[in-house]
Protein backbone atom coordinates (compact mmCIF):
# COMPACT_ATOMS: atom_id res chain seq x y z
CA MET A 1 134.99 34.36 136.78
CA ILE A 2 134.96 30.56 136.91
CA PRO A 3 137.70 30.34 139.62
CA LEU A 4 135.49 32.39 141.97
CA LEU A 5 132.33 30.40 141.25
CA PHE A 6 133.08 27.39 143.44
CA PRO A 7 134.21 29.37 146.52
CA LEU A 8 131.17 31.61 146.11
CA LEU A 9 128.87 28.59 145.94
CA ALA A 10 130.55 27.11 149.02
CA LEU A 11 130.13 30.40 150.91
CA ILE A 12 126.45 30.66 149.94
CA ALA A 13 125.85 27.04 150.93
CA GLY A 14 127.49 27.73 154.30
CA ILE A 15 125.36 30.81 154.86
CA LEU A 16 122.19 28.92 154.01
CA SER A 17 123.05 26.00 156.29
CA GLY A 18 124.30 28.22 159.15
CA PRO A 19 121.03 28.41 161.13
CA HIS A 20 120.83 24.61 161.24
CA LEU A 21 124.35 24.07 162.63
CA ALA A 22 125.74 24.69 166.11
CA PRO A 23 128.22 27.62 166.13
CA THR A 24 130.79 26.23 168.59
CA PRO A 25 131.85 23.15 166.56
CA LEU A 26 132.01 25.31 163.43
CA TRP A 27 134.54 27.70 164.92
CA LEU A 28 136.51 24.80 166.43
CA CYS A 29 136.77 22.95 163.09
CA LEU A 30 137.65 26.02 161.02
CA PRO A 31 141.42 26.13 161.83
CA LEU A 32 141.76 22.41 161.09
CA ALA A 33 139.87 22.84 157.81
CA ILE A 34 142.20 25.68 156.83
CA LEU A 35 145.26 23.51 157.53
CA VAL A 36 143.81 20.62 155.53
CA GLY A 37 142.92 23.09 152.76
CA ILE A 38 146.52 24.28 152.60
CA ALA A 39 147.70 20.68 152.20
CA ARG A 40 145.05 19.77 149.61
CA ARG A 41 143.86 22.74 147.57
CA PRO A 42 140.35 21.43 146.65
CA LEU A 43 139.55 20.90 150.34
CA LEU A 44 139.94 24.63 150.92
CA LEU A 45 136.28 24.90 149.91
CA VAL A 46 135.38 23.16 153.19
CA SER A 47 136.92 26.03 155.14
CA VAL A 48 135.00 28.55 153.00
CA PHE A 49 131.79 26.61 153.76
CA LEU A 50 132.55 26.60 157.49
CA LEU A 51 133.39 30.30 157.40
CA GLY A 52 130.04 31.12 155.79
CA ALA A 53 128.14 28.95 158.26
CA GLY A 54 130.02 30.47 161.20
CA LEU A 55 129.37 34.03 160.09
CA ARG A 56 125.67 33.26 159.61
CA SER A 57 125.39 31.64 163.04
CA ALA A 58 126.93 34.75 164.63
CA VAL A 59 123.88 36.83 163.62
CA PRO A 60 121.62 37.18 166.68
CA ALA A 61 118.18 35.60 166.43
CA VAL A 62 115.13 37.82 166.23
CA PRO A 63 113.13 37.72 169.49
CA PRO A 64 109.60 36.38 169.16
CA ASP A 65 106.68 38.77 168.87
CA PRO A 66 105.14 39.28 172.33
CA GLY A 67 101.67 39.44 170.79
CA SER A 68 98.91 41.14 172.73
CA ASP A 69 100.43 40.57 176.18
CA ALA A 70 100.80 43.63 178.38
CA VAL A 71 104.33 44.88 178.86
CA ARG A 72 105.48 46.89 181.87
CA LEU A 73 108.20 49.38 181.13
CA VAL A 74 110.13 50.70 184.11
CA CYS A 75 112.47 53.63 183.58
CA LYS A 76 113.83 56.78 185.19
CA VAL A 77 113.52 60.21 183.60
CA SER A 78 116.95 61.80 183.64
CA ARG A 79 115.80 65.35 182.76
CA ALA A 80 112.56 67.22 182.17
CA PRO A 81 111.09 66.98 178.68
CA GLU A 82 111.55 69.93 176.37
CA TRP A 83 108.58 72.34 176.19
CA ARG A 84 107.58 73.09 172.60
CA GLY A 85 104.35 75.00 173.18
CA LEU A 86 100.69 74.19 172.93
CA GLY A 87 99.53 71.84 170.22
CA VAL A 88 102.99 70.86 169.03
């Protein structure tokens, strides 16, 4: 269990810091971090951190609540609605 603790902590730290980091530099630095991690085994945690931050930054942001503003919805009805009877 101990060998998985440090990579798990690095992944969680990357996920938590992902919203504060720009996604483009993360994905650009990830291949270099993997190569450096292959050369020096302890530095492989940097690539796990970058992977977690990159995956978190790929999640789309939630749009803001429009509040009480009126919204106009424009659409086209493709077929007639199904009739289910009175009071249904």
